[in-house]
Amino acid sequence: MGISTHILDTSVGRPASGVSVTLSLQEGTAWREVARGVTDADGRVKPLLAALSTAGVYRIAFDTGAYLGPDAFFPQVQIDVWVSAPTEHYHVPLLLNPFGYSTYRGS
């Protein structure tokens, strides 16, 4: 089914729109980009949904520096996830603020 994500800016209690997100698949020691998108007004990225083709380690990279500005403590957040069954749905939310972030496997 794919990987979905959304970003909530916990410093303002709203979705983070306009954040570039890249999904890559690990191939040996390299990473191959499989999808890319930008968060919408709800903080969601639709293009990632159909991107899973095989089991493996996937990396979701969020360009948080462009969203948070030049003083962002975390200018990029990268989350690596193990996908054992590409036919399942994997939801990986990002809770973000200028000085920290949190994530989990959602539903």
PDB file of N, CA and C in Angstrom:
ATOM      1  N   MET A   1       0.813  -1.203   0.000  1.00  0.00           N
ATOM      2  CA  MET A   1       0.000   0.000   0.000  1.00  0.00           C
ATOM      3  C   MET A   1       0.851   1.260   0.000  1.00  0.00           C
ATOM      4  N   GLY A   2       1.946   1.270   0.754  1.00  0.00           N
ATOM      5  CA  GLY A   2       2.811   2.427   0.711  1.00  0.00           C
ATOM      6  C   GLY A   2       3.121   3.018   2.062  1.00  0.00           C
ATOM      7  N   ILE A   3       3.889   4.085   2.011  1.00  0.00           N
ATOM      8  CA  ILE A   3       4.252   4.844   3.207  1.00  0.00           C
ATOM      9  C   ILE A   3       3.514   6.166   3.146  1.00  0.00           C
ATOM     10  N   SER A   4       2.878   6.520   4.242  1.00  0.00           N
ATOM     11  CA  SER A   4       2.282   7.845   4.344  1.00  0.00           C
ATOM     12  C   SER A   4       2.938   8.570   5.511  1.00  0.00           C
ATOM     13  N   THR A   5       2.868   9.873   5.463  1.00  0.00           N
ATOM     14  CA  THR A   5       3.432  10.677   6.543  1.00  0.00           C
ATOM     15  C   THR A   5       2.650  11.972   6.641  1.00  0.00           C
ATOM     16  N   HIS A   6       2.758  12.593   7.776  1.00  0.00           N
ATOM     17  CA  HIS A   6       2.284  13.964   7.927  1.00  0.00           C
ATOM     18  C   HIS A   6       3.149  14.624   8.992  1.00  0.00           C
ATOM     19  N   ILE A   7       3.202  15.938   8.929  1.00  0.00           N
ATOM     20  CA  ILE A   7       4.012  16.694   9.876  1.00  0.00           C
ATOM     21  C   ILE A   7       3.104  17.628  10.655  1.00  0.00           C
ATOM     22  N   LEU A   8       3.221  17.563  11.977  1.00  0.00           N
ATOM     23  CA  LEU A   8       2.516  18.496  12.849  1.00  0.00           C
ATOM     24  C   LEU A   8       3.556  19.379  13.519  1.00  0.00           C
ATOM     25  N   ASP A   9       3.422  20.675  13.354  1.00  0.00           N
ATOM     26  CA  ASP A   9       4.299  21.636  14.013  1.00  0.00           C
ATOM     27  C   ASP A   9       3.736  21.854  15.409  1.00  0.00           C
ATOM     28  N   THR A  10       4.342  21.213  16.400  1.00  0.00           N
ATOM     29  CA  THR A  10       3.806  21.267  17.760  1.00  0.00           C
ATOM     30  C   THR A  10       4.031  22.620  18.431  1.00  0.00           C
ATOM     31  N   SER A  11       4.881  23.473  17.854  1.00  0.00           N
ATOM     32  CA  SER A  11       5.096  24.794  18.447  1.00  0.00           C
ATOM     33  C   SER A  11       3.926  25.728  18.172  1.00  0.00           C
ATOM     34  N   VAL A  12       3.151  25.427  17.137  1.00  0.00           N
ATOM     35  CA  VAL A  12       1.977  26.257  16.815  1.00  0.00           C
ATOM     36  C   VAL A  12       0.690  25.436  16.782  1.00  0.00           C
ATOM     37  N   GLY A  13       0.803  24.118  16.939  1.00  0.00           N
ATOM     38  CA  GLY A  13      -0.377  23.259  16.971  1.00  0.00           C
ATOM     39  C   GLY A  13      -1.094  23.130  15.649  1.00  0.00           C
ATOM     40  N   ARG A  14      -0.327  23.196  14.547  1.00  0.00           N
ATOM     41  CA  ARG A  14      -0.914  23.085  13.203  1.00  0.00           C
ATOM     42  C   ARG A  14      -0.053  22.217  12.307  1.00  0.00           C
ATOM     43  N   PRO A  15      -0.646  21.718  11.215  1.00  0.00           N
ATOM     44  CA  PRO A  15       0.158  20.973  10.239  1.00  0.00           C
ATOM     45  C   PRO A  15       1.243  21.866   9.635  1.00  0.00           C
ATOM     46  N   ALA A  16       2.353  21.265   9.268  1.00  0.00           N
ATOM     47  CA  ALA A  16       3.454  21.979   8.616  1.00  0.00           C
ATOM     48  C   ALA A  16       3.312  21.796   7.112  1.00  0.00           C
ATOM     49  N   SER A  17       2.924  22.853   6.427  1.00  0.00           N
ATOM     50  CA  SER A  17       2.768  22.769   4.972  1.00  0.00           C
ATOM     51  C   SER A  17       4.002  23.335   4.273  1.00  0.00           C
ATOM     52  N   GLY A  18       4.234  22.835   3.062  1.00  0.00           N
ATOM     53  CA  GLY A  18       5.345  23.328   2.257  1.00  0.00           C
ATOM     54  C   GLY A  18       6.690  22.703   2.568  1.00  0.00           C
ATOM     55  N   VAL A  19       6.718  21.562   3.272  1.00  0.00           N
ATOM     56  CA  VAL A  19       7.974  20.895   3.614  1.00  0.00           C
ATOM     57  C   VAL A  19       8.288  19.838   2.550  1.00  0.00           C
ATOM     58  N   SER A  20       9.478  19.902   1.972  1.00  0.00           N
ATOM     59  CA  SER A  20       9.905  18.906   0.990  1.00  0.00           C
ATOM     60  C   SER A  20      10.232  17.599   1.707  1.00  0.00           C
ATOM     61  N   VAL A  21       9.750  16.492   1.118  1.00  0.00           N
ATOM     62  CA  VAL A  21       9.954  15.163   1.695  1.00  0.00           C
ATOM     63  C   VAL A  21      10.427  14.231   0.581  1.00  0.00           C
ATOM     64  N   THR A  22      11.466  13.443   0.882  1.00  0.00           N
ATOM     65  CA  THR A  22      12.005  12.488  -0.075  1.00  0.00           C
ATOM     66  C   THR A  22      11.975  11.093   0.539  1.00  0.00           C
ATOM     67  N   LEU A  23      11.543  10.112  -0.253  1.00  0.00           N
ATOM     68  CA  LEU A  23      11.559   8.716   0.179  1.00  0.00           C
ATOM     69  C   LEU A  23      12.601   7.986  -0.652  1.00  0.00           C
ATOM     70  N   SER A  24      13.524   7.298   0.023  1.00  0.00           N
ATOM     71  CA  SER A  24      14.589   6.561  -0.665  1.00  0.00           C
ATOM     72  C   SER A  24      14.642   5.131  -0.145  1.00  0.00           C
ATOM     73  N   LEU A  25      15.112   4.227  -1.003  1.00  0.00           N
ATOM     74  CA  LEU A  25      15.286   2.823  -0.664  1.00  0.00           C
ATOM     75  C   LEU A  25      16.781   2.533  -0.584  1.00  0.00           C
ATOM     76  N   GLN A  26      17.197   1.840   0.480  1.00  0.00           N
ATOM     77  CA  GLN A  26      18.603   1.477   0.628  1.00  0.00           C
ATOM     78  C   GLN A  26      18.931   0.303  -0.289  1.00  0.00           C
ATOM     79  N   GLU A  27      19.995   0.480  -1.076  1.00  0.00           N
ATOM     80  CA  GLU A  27      20.494  -0.572  -1.969  1.00  0.00           C
ATOM     81  C   GLU A  27      21.979  -0.723  -1.693  1.00  0.00           C
ATOM     82  N   GLY A  28      22.309  -1.708  -0.868  1.00  0.00           N
ATOM     83  CA  GLY A  28      23.702  -1.864  -0.434  1.00  0.00           C
ATOM     84  C   GLY A  28      24.063  -0.714   0.487  1.00  0.00           C
ATOM     85  N   THR A  29      25.106   0.037   0.103  1.00  0.00           N
ATOM     86  CA  THR A  29      25.491   1.199   0.912  1.00  0.00           C
ATOM     87  C   THR A  29      24.957   2.506   0.339  1.00  0.00           C
ATOM     88  N   ALA A  30      24.225   2.430  -0.747  1.00  0.00           N
ATOM     89  CA  ALA A  30      23.689   3.630  -1.404  1.00  0.00           C
ATOM     90  C   ALA A  30      22.178   3.741  -1.174  1.00  0.00           C
ATOM     91  N   TRP A  31      21.637   4.904  -1.507  1.00  0.00           N
ATOM     92  CA  TRP A  31      20.205   5.170  -1.396  1.00  0.00           C
ATOM     93  C   TRP A  31      19.678   5.575  -2.763  1.00  0.00           C
ATOM     94  N   ARG A  32      18.539   4.993  -3.157  1.00  0.00           N
ATOM     95  CA  ARG A  32      17.898   5.336  -4.432  1.00  0.00           C
ATOM     96  C   ARG A  32      16.566   6.009  -4.139  1.00  0.00           C
ATOM     97  N   GLU A  33      16.419   7.227  -4.646  1.00  0.00           N
ATOM     98  CA  GLU A  33      15.168   7.963  -4.445  1.00  0.00           C
ATOM     99  C   GLU A  33      14.036   7.271  -5.193  1.00  0.00           C
ATOM    100  N   VAL A  34      12.919   7.057  -4.502  1.00  0.00           N
ATOM    101  CA  VAL A  34      11.764   6.411  -5.127  1.00  0.00           C
ATOM    102  C   VAL A  34      10.543   7.319  -5.183  1.00  0.00           C
ATOM    103  N   ALA A  35      10.519   8.371  -4.373  1.00  0.00           N
ATOM    104  CA  ALA A  35       9.392   9.311  -4.404  1.00  0.00           C
ATOM    105  C   ALA A  35       9.805  10.621  -3.750  1.00  0.00           C
ATOM    106  N   ARG A  36       9.084  11.657  -4.146  1.00  0.00           N
ATOM    107  CA  ARG A  36       9.369  12.993  -3.619  1.00  0.00           C
ATOM    108  C   ARG A  36       8.067  13.776  -3.611  1.00  0.00           C
ATOM    109  N   GLY A  37       7.929  14.668  -2.670  1.00  0.00           N
ATOM    110  CA  GLY A  37       6.738  15.496  -2.624  1.00  0.00           C
ATOM    111  C   GLY A  37       6.906  16.635  -1.630  1.00  0.00           C
ATOM    112  N   VAL A  38       5.857  17.421  -1.510  1.00  0.00           N
ATOM    113  CA  VAL A  38       5.820  18.561  -0.598  1.00  0.00           C
ATOM    114  C   VAL A  38       4.545  18.453   0.218  1.00  0.00           C
ATOM    115  N   THR A  39       4.645  18.726   1.514  1.00  0.00           N
ATOM    116  CA  THR A  39       3.462  18.622   2.353  1.00  0.00           C
ATOM    117  C   THR A  39       2.407  19.653   1.944  1.00  0.00           C
ATOM    118  N   ASP A  40       1.153  19.202   1.983  1.00  0.00           N
ATOM    119  CA  ASP A  40       0.027  20.070   1.627  1.00  0.00           C
ATOM    120  C   ASP A  40      -0.455  20.837   2.867  1.00  0.00           C
ATOM    121  N   ALA A  41      -1.592  21.484   2.777  1.00  0.00           N
ATOM    122  CA  ALA A  41      -2.130  22.285   3.877  1.00  0.00           C
ATOM    123  C   ALA A  41      -2.416  21.444   5.122  1.00  0.00           C
ATOM    124  N   ASP A  42      -2.621  20.139   4.950  1.00  0.00           N
ATOM    125  CA  ASP A  42      -2.842  19.232   6.086  1.00  0.00           C
ATOM    126  C   ASP A  42      -1.545  18.601   6.571  1.00  0.00           C
ATOM    127  N   GLY A  43      -0.401  19.015   6.012  1.00  0.00           N
ATOM    128  CA  GLY A  43       0.896  18.467   6.406  1.00  0.00           C
ATOM    129  C   GLY A  43       1.167  17.085   5.850  1.00  0.00           C
ATOM    130  N   ARG A  44       0.411  16.683   4.822  1.00  0.00           N
ATOM    131  CA  ARG A  44       0.534  15.340   4.250  1.00  0.00           C
ATOM    132  C   ARG A  44       1.200  15.369   2.876  1.00  0.00           C
ATOM    133  N   VAL A  45       1.794  14.212   2.501  1.00  0.00           N
ATOM    134  CA  VAL A  45       2.459  14.069   1.202  1.00  0.00           C
ATOM    135  C   VAL A  45       1.855  12.869   0.493  1.00  0.00           C
ATOM    136  N   LYS A  46       1.101  13.104  -0.552  1.00  0.00           N
ATOM    137  CA  LYS A  46       0.418  12.015  -1.261  1.00  0.00           C
ATOM    138  C   LYS A  46       1.340  11.149  -2.130  1.00  0.00           C
ATOM    139  N   PRO A  47       2.370  11.666  -2.801  1.00  0.00           N
ATOM    140  CA  PRO A  47       3.161  10.840  -3.728  1.00  0.00           C
ATOM    141  C   PRO A  47       3.880   9.650  -3.091  1.00  0.00           C
ATOM    142  N   LEU A  48       4.043   9.632  -1.768  1.00  0.00           N
ATOM    143  CA  LEU A  48       4.767   8.533  -1.144  1.00  0.00           C
ATOM    144  C   LEU A  48       3.929   7.259  -1.085  1.00  0.00           C
ATOM    145  N   LEU A  49       2.631   7.370  -1.208  1.00  0.00           N
ATOM    146  CA  LEU A  49       1.736   6.234  -0.990  1.00  0.00           C
ATOM    147  C   LEU A  49       2.006   5.045  -1.896  1.00  0.00           C
ATOM    148  N   ALA A  50       2.313   5.264  -3.147  1.00  0.00           N
ATOM    149  CA  ALA A  50       2.473   4.159  -4.099  1.00  0.00           C
ATOM    150  C   ALA A  50       3.932   3.786  -4.320  1.00  0.00           C
ATOM    151  N   ALA A  51       4.821   4.215  -3.440  1.00  0.00           N
ATOM    152  CA  ALA A  51       6.253   4.098  -3.702  1.00  0.00           C
ATOM    153  C   ALA A  51       6.894   2.785  -3.260  1.00  0.00           C
ATOM    154  N   LEU A  52       6.215   1.959  -2.489  1.00  0.00           N
ATOM    155  CA  LEU A  52       6.847   0.730  -1.999  1.00  0.00           C
ATOM    156  C   LEU A  52       6.788  -0.362  -3.044  1.00  0.00           C
ATOM    157  N   SER A  53       7.953  -0.847  -3.442  1.00  0.00           N
ATOM    158  CA  SER A  53       7.992  -1.898  -4.449  1.00  0.00           C
ATOM    159  C   SER A  53       8.603  -3.184  -3.909  1.00  0.00           C
ATOM    160  N   THR A  54       9.355  -3.072  -2.827  1.00  0.00           N
ATOM    161  CA  THR A  54      10.066  -4.230  -2.302  1.00  0.00           C
ATOM    162  C   THR A  54      10.276  -4.060  -0.805  1.00  0.00           C
ATOM    163  N   ALA A  55      10.510  -5.157  -0.120  1.00  0.00           N
ATOM    164  CA  ALA A  55      10.883  -5.082   1.289  1.00  0.00           C
ATOM    165  C   ALA A  55      12.272  -4.467   1.396  1.00  0.00           C
ATOM    166  N   GLY A  56      12.556  -3.828   2.506  1.00  0.00           N
ATOM    167  CA  GLY A  56      13.870  -3.240   2.714  1.00  0.00           C
ATOM    168  C   GLY A  56      13.818  -2.062   3.651  1.00  0.00           C
ATOM    169  N   VAL A  57      14.935  -1.358   3.731  1.00  0.00           N
ATOM    170  CA  VAL A  57      15.039  -0.169   4.568  1.00  0.00           C
ATOM    171  C   VAL A  57      14.759   1.054   3.703  1.00  0.00           C
ATOM    172  N   TYR A  58      13.801   1.847   4.148  1.00  0.00           N
ATOM    173  CA  TYR A  58      13.428   3.075   3.455  1.00  0.00           C
ATOM    174  C   TYR A  58      13.779   4.261   4.342  1.00  0.00           C
ATOM    175  N   ARG A  59      14.175   5.342   3.717  1.00  0.00           N
ATOM    176  CA  ARG A  59      14.505   6.583   4.432  1.00  0.00           C
ATOM    177  C   ARG A  59      13.535   7.674   4.003  1.00  0.00           C
ATOM    178  N   ILE A  60      12.915   8.293   4.991  1.00  0.00           N
ATOM    179  CA  ILE A  60      12.080   9.470   4.748  1.00  0.00           C
ATOM    180  C   ILE A  60      12.902  10.664   5.223  1.00  0.00           C
ATOM    181  N   ALA A  61      13.216  11.570   4.311  1.00  0.00           N
ATOM    182  CA  ALA A  61      14.016  12.755   4.641  1.00  0.00           C
ATOM    183  C   ALA A  61      13.144  13.995   4.531  1.00  0.00           C
ATOM    184  N   PHE A  62      13.098  14.768   5.605  1.00  0.00           N
ATOM    185  CA  PHE A  62      12.289  15.979   5.677  1.00  0.00           C
ATOM    186  C   PHE A  62      13.213  17.189   5.666  1.00  0.00           C
ATOM    187  N   ASP A  63      12.979  18.141   4.773  1.00  0.00           N
ATOM    188  CA  ASP A  63      13.779  19.373   4.719  1.00  0.00           C
ATOM    189  C   ASP A  63      13.191  20.364   5.723  1.00  0.00           C
ATOM    190  N   THR A  64      13.456  20.119   6.996  1.00  0.00           N
ATOM    191  CA  THR A  64      12.871  20.933   8.055  1.00  0.00           C
ATOM    192  C   THR A  64      13.520  22.313   8.157  1.00  0.00           C
ATOM    193  N   GLY A  65      14.760  22.441   7.702  1.00  0.00           N
ATOM    194  CA  GLY A  65      15.440  23.736   7.759  1.00  0.00           C
ATOM    195  C   GLY A  65      14.764  24.786   6.911  1.00  0.00           C
ATOM    196  N   ALA A  66      14.305  24.403   5.725  1.00  0.00           N
ATOM    197  CA  ALA A  66      13.607  25.365   4.858  1.00  0.00           C
ATOM    198  C   ALA A  66      12.295  25.806   5.493  1.00  0.00           C
ATOM    199  N   TYR A  67      11.662  24.929   6.256  1.00  0.00           N
ATOM    200  CA  TYR A  67      10.391  25.257   6.914  1.00  0.00           C
ATOM    201  C   TYR A  67      10.613  26.083   8.186  1.00  0.00           C
ATOM    202  N   LEU A  68      11.582  25.659   9.014  1.00  0.00           N
ATOM    203  CA  LEU A  68      11.794  26.308  10.313  1.00  0.00           C
ATOM    204  C   LEU A  68      12.652  27.571  10.226  1.00  0.00           C
ATOM    205  N   GLY A  69      13.430  27.701   9.173  1.00  0.00           N
ATOM    206  CA  GLY A  69      14.259  28.890   9.013  1.00  0.00           C
ATOM    207  C   GLY A  69      15.718  28.634   9.333  1.00  0.00           C
ATOM    208  N   PRO A  70      16.538  29.682   9.197  1.00  0.00           N
ATOM    209  CA  PRO A  70      18.000  29.517   9.295  1.00  0.00           C
ATOM    210  C   PRO A  70      18.495  29.109  10.675  1.00  0.00           C
ATOM    211  N   ASP A  71      17.704  29.293  11.716  1.00  0.00           N
ATOM    212  CA  ASP A  71      18.135  28.922  13.059  1.00  0.00           C
ATOM    213  C   ASP A  71      17.634  27.547  13.480  1.00  0.00           C
ATOM    214  N   ALA A  72      17.141  26.759  12.527  1.00  0.00           N
ATOM    215  CA  ALA A  72      16.625  25.425  12.845  1.00  0.00           C
ATOM    216  C   ALA A  72      17.736  24.568  13.457  1.00  0.00           C
ATOM    217  N   PHE A  73      17.489  24.020  14.617  1.00  0.00           N
ATOM    218  CA  PHE A  73      18.479  23.156  15.255  1.00  0.00           C
ATOM    219  C   PHE A  73      18.644  21.853  14.481  1.00  0.00           C
ATOM    220  N   PHE A  74      17.540  21.350  13.915  1.00  0.00           N
ATOM    221  CA  PHE A  74      17.561  20.162  13.066  1.00  0.00           C
ATOM    222  C   PHE A  74      17.184  20.586  11.651  1.00  0.00           C
ATOM    223  N   PRO A  75      18.157  20.942  10.800  1.00  0.00           N
ATOM    224  CA  PRO A  75      17.832  21.405   9.451  1.00  0.00           C
ATOM    225  C   PRO A  75      17.300  20.306   8.541  1.00  0.00           C
ATOM    226  N   GLN A  76      17.551  19.051   8.919  1.00  0.00           N
ATOM    227  CA  GLN A  76      16.994  17.923   8.174  1.00  0.00           C
ATOM    228  C   GLN A  76      16.720  16.802   9.160  1.00  0.00           C
ATOM    229  N   VAL A  77      15.579  16.147   8.977  1.00  0.00           N
ATOM    230  CA  VAL A  77      15.238  14.975   9.781  1.00  0.00           C
ATOM    231  C   VAL A  77      15.177  13.788   8.839  1.00  0.00           C
ATOM    232  N   GLN A  78      15.910  12.730   9.169  1.00  0.00           N
ATOM    233  CA  GLN A  78      15.888  11.504   8.381  1.00  0.00           C
ATOM    234  C   GLN A  78      15.410  10.370   9.273  1.00  0.00           C
ATOM    235  N   ILE A  79      14.408   9.661   8.804  1.00  0.00           N
ATOM    236  CA  ILE A  79      13.854   8.536   9.547  1.00  0.00           C
ATOM    237  C   ILE A  79      13.993   7.292   8.678  1.00  0.00           C
ATOM    238  N   ASP A  80      14.713   6.308   9.172  1.00  0.00           N
ATOM    239  CA  ASP A  80      14.875   5.042   8.462  1.00  0.00           C
ATOM    240  C   ASP A  80      13.906   4.030   9.053  1.00  0.00           C
ATOM    241  N   VAL A  81      13.166   3.342   8.180  1.00  0.00           N
ATOM    242  CA  VAL A  81      12.186   2.356   8.631  1.00  0.00           C
ATOM    243  C   VAL A  81      12.379   1.049   7.875  1.00  0.00           C
ATOM    244  N   TRP A  82      12.155  -0.060   8.556  1.00  0.00           N
ATOM    245  CA  TRP A  82      12.219  -1.381   7.952  1.00  0.00           C
ATOM    246  C   TRP A  82      10.829  -1.738   7.465  1.00  0.00           C
ATOM    247  N   VAL A  83      10.715  -1.989   6.173  1.00  0.00           N
ATOM    248  CA  VAL A  83       9.460  -2.407   5.556  1.00  0.00           C
ATOM    249  C   VAL A  83       9.585  -3.891   5.246  1.00  0.00           C
ATOM    250  N   SER A  84       8.850  -4.703   5.980  1.00  0.00           N
ATOM    251  CA  SER A  84       8.929  -6.152   5.778  1.00  0.00           C
ATOM    252  C   SER A  84       7.905  -6.641   4.766  1.00  0.00           C
ATOM    253  N   ALA A  85       6.804  -5.920   4.634  1.00  0.00           N
ATOM    254  CA  ALA A  85       5.732  -6.333   3.717  1.00  0.00           C
ATOM    255  C   ALA A  85       5.253  -5.113   2.933  1.00  0.00           C
ATOM    256  N   PRO A  86       5.750  -4.922   1.708  1.00  0.00           N
ATOM    257  CA  PRO A  86       5.392  -3.730   0.940  1.00  0.00           C
ATOM    258  C   PRO A  86       3.910  -3.618   0.595  1.00  0.00           C
ATOM    259  N   THR A  87       3.146  -4.676   0.809  1.00  0.00           N
ATOM    260  CA  THR A  87       1.705  -4.613   0.552  1.00  0.00           C
ATOM    261  C   THR A  87       0.942  -4.014   1.734  1.00  0.00           C
ATOM    262  N   GLU A  88       1.625  -3.834   2.867  1.00  0.00           N
ATOM    263  CA  GLU A  88       1.004  -3.217   4.042  1.00  0.00           C
ATOM    264  C   GLU A  88       1.135  -1.696   3.974  1.00  0.00           C
ATOM    265  N   HIS A  89       0.377  -1.024   4.836  1.00  0.00           N
ATOM    266  CA  HIS A  89       0.445   0.433   4.948  1.00  0.00           C
ATOM    267  C   HIS A  89       1.334   0.800   6.133  1.00  0.00           C
ATOM    268  N   TYR A  90       2.265   1.712   5.907  1.00  0.00           N
ATOM    269  CA  TYR A  90       3.159   2.204   6.947  1.00  0.00           C
ATOM    270  C   TYR A  90       2.945   3.704   7.076  1.00  0.00           C
ATOM    271  N   HIS A  91       2.505   4.162   8.249  1.00  0.00           N
ATOM    272  CA  HIS A  91       2.299   5.594   8.477  1.00  0.00           C
ATOM    273  C   HIS A  91       3.345   6.078   9.474  1.00  0.00           C
ATOM    274  N   VAL A  92       4.104   7.095   9.078  1.00  0.00           N
ATOM    275  CA  VAL A  92       5.207   7.598   9.889  1.00  0.00           C
ATOM    276  C   VAL A  92       5.029   9.103  10.092  1.00  0.00           C
ATOM    277  N   PRO A  93       4.333   9.503  11.153  1.00  0.00           N
ATOM    278  CA  PRO A  93       4.139  10.926  11.417  1.00  0.00           C
ATOM    279  C   PRO A  93       5.412  11.568  11.990  1.00  0.00           C
ATOM    280  N   LEU A  94       5.544  12.862  11.776  1.00  0.00           N
ATOM    281  CA  LEU A  94       6.641  13.635  12.356  1.00  0.00           C
ATOM    282  C   LEU A  94       6.026  14.765  13.173  1.00  0.00           C
ATOM    283  N   LEU A  95       6.317  14.778  14.469  1.00  0.00           N
ATOM    284  CA  LEU A  95       5.914  15.872  15.354  1.00  0.00           C
ATOM    285  C   LEU A  95       7.138  16.759  15.485  1.00  0.00           C
ATOM    286  N   LEU A  96       7.023  18.002  15.069  1.00  0.00           N
ATOM    287  CA  LEU A  96       8.182  18.874  14.889  1.00  0.00           C
ATOM    288  C   LEU A  96       8.026  20.171  15.660  1.00  0.00           C
ATOM    289  N   ASN A  97       9.143  20.661  16.213  1.00  0.00           N
ATOM    290  CA  ASN A  97       9.211  22.012  16.762  1.00  0.00           C
ATOM    291  C   ASN A  97      10.632  22.512  16.515  1.00  0.00           C
ATOM    292  N   PRO A  98      10.922  23.770  16.757  1.00  0.00           N
ATOM    293  CA  PRO A  98      12.250  24.295  16.404  1.00  0.00           C
ATOM    294  C   PRO A  98      13.430  23.591  17.075  1.00  0.00           C
ATOM    295  N   PHE A  99      13.218  22.938  18.211  1.00  0.00           N
ATOM    296  CA  PHE A  99      14.329  22.343  18.931  1.00  0.00           C
ATOM    297  C   PHE A  99      14.199  20.849  19.173  1.00  0.00           C
ATOM    298  N   GLY A 100      13.257  20.201  18.482  1.00  0.00           N
ATOM    299  CA  GLY A 100      13.118  18.776  18.677  1.00  0.00           C
ATOM    300  C   GLY A 100      12.098  18.171  17.733  1.00  0.00           C
ATOM    301  N   TYR A 101      12.068  16.853  17.725  1.00  0.00           N
ATOM    302  CA  TYR A 101      11.072  16.136  16.928  1.00  0.00           C
ATOM    303  C   TYR A 101      10.844  14.763  17.538  1.00  0.00           C
ATOM    304  N   SER A 102       9.718  14.173  17.153  1.00  0.00           N
ATOM    305  CA  SER A 102       9.359  12.843  17.610  1.00  0.00           C
ATOM    306  C   SER A 102       8.626  12.147  16.483  1.00  0.00           C
ATOM    307  N   THR A 103       8.687  10.821  16.478  1.00  0.00           N
ATOM    308  CA  THR A 103       7.996  10.051  15.449  1.00  0.00           C
ATOM    309  C   THR A 103       7.570   8.717  16.036  1.00  0.00           C
ATOM    310  N   TYR A 104       6.735   8.015  15.315  1.00  0.00           N
ATOM    311  CA  TYR A 104       6.257   6.699  15.732  1.00  0.00           C
ATOM    312  C   TYR A 104       5.609   6.033  14.530  1.00  0.00           C
ATOM    313  N   ARG A 105       5.308   4.740  14.637  1.00  0.00           N
ATOM    314  CA  ARG A 105       4.553   4.089  13.571  1.00  0.00           C
ATOM    315  C   ARG A 105       3.071   4.251  13.888  1.00  0.00           C
ATOM    316  N   GLY A 106       2.405   4.984  13.033  1.00  0.00           N
ATOM    317  CA  GLY A 106       0.982   5.227  13.216  1.00  0.00           C
ATOM    318  C   GLY A 106       0.148   4.225  12.450  1.00  0.00           C
ATOM    319  N   SER A 107      -1.120   4.564  12.306  1.00  0.00           N
ATOM    320  CA  SER A 107      -2.023   3.657  11.593  1.00  0.00           C
ATOM    321  C   SER A 107      -2.712   4.384  10.451  1.00  0.00           C
TER     322      SER A 107
END
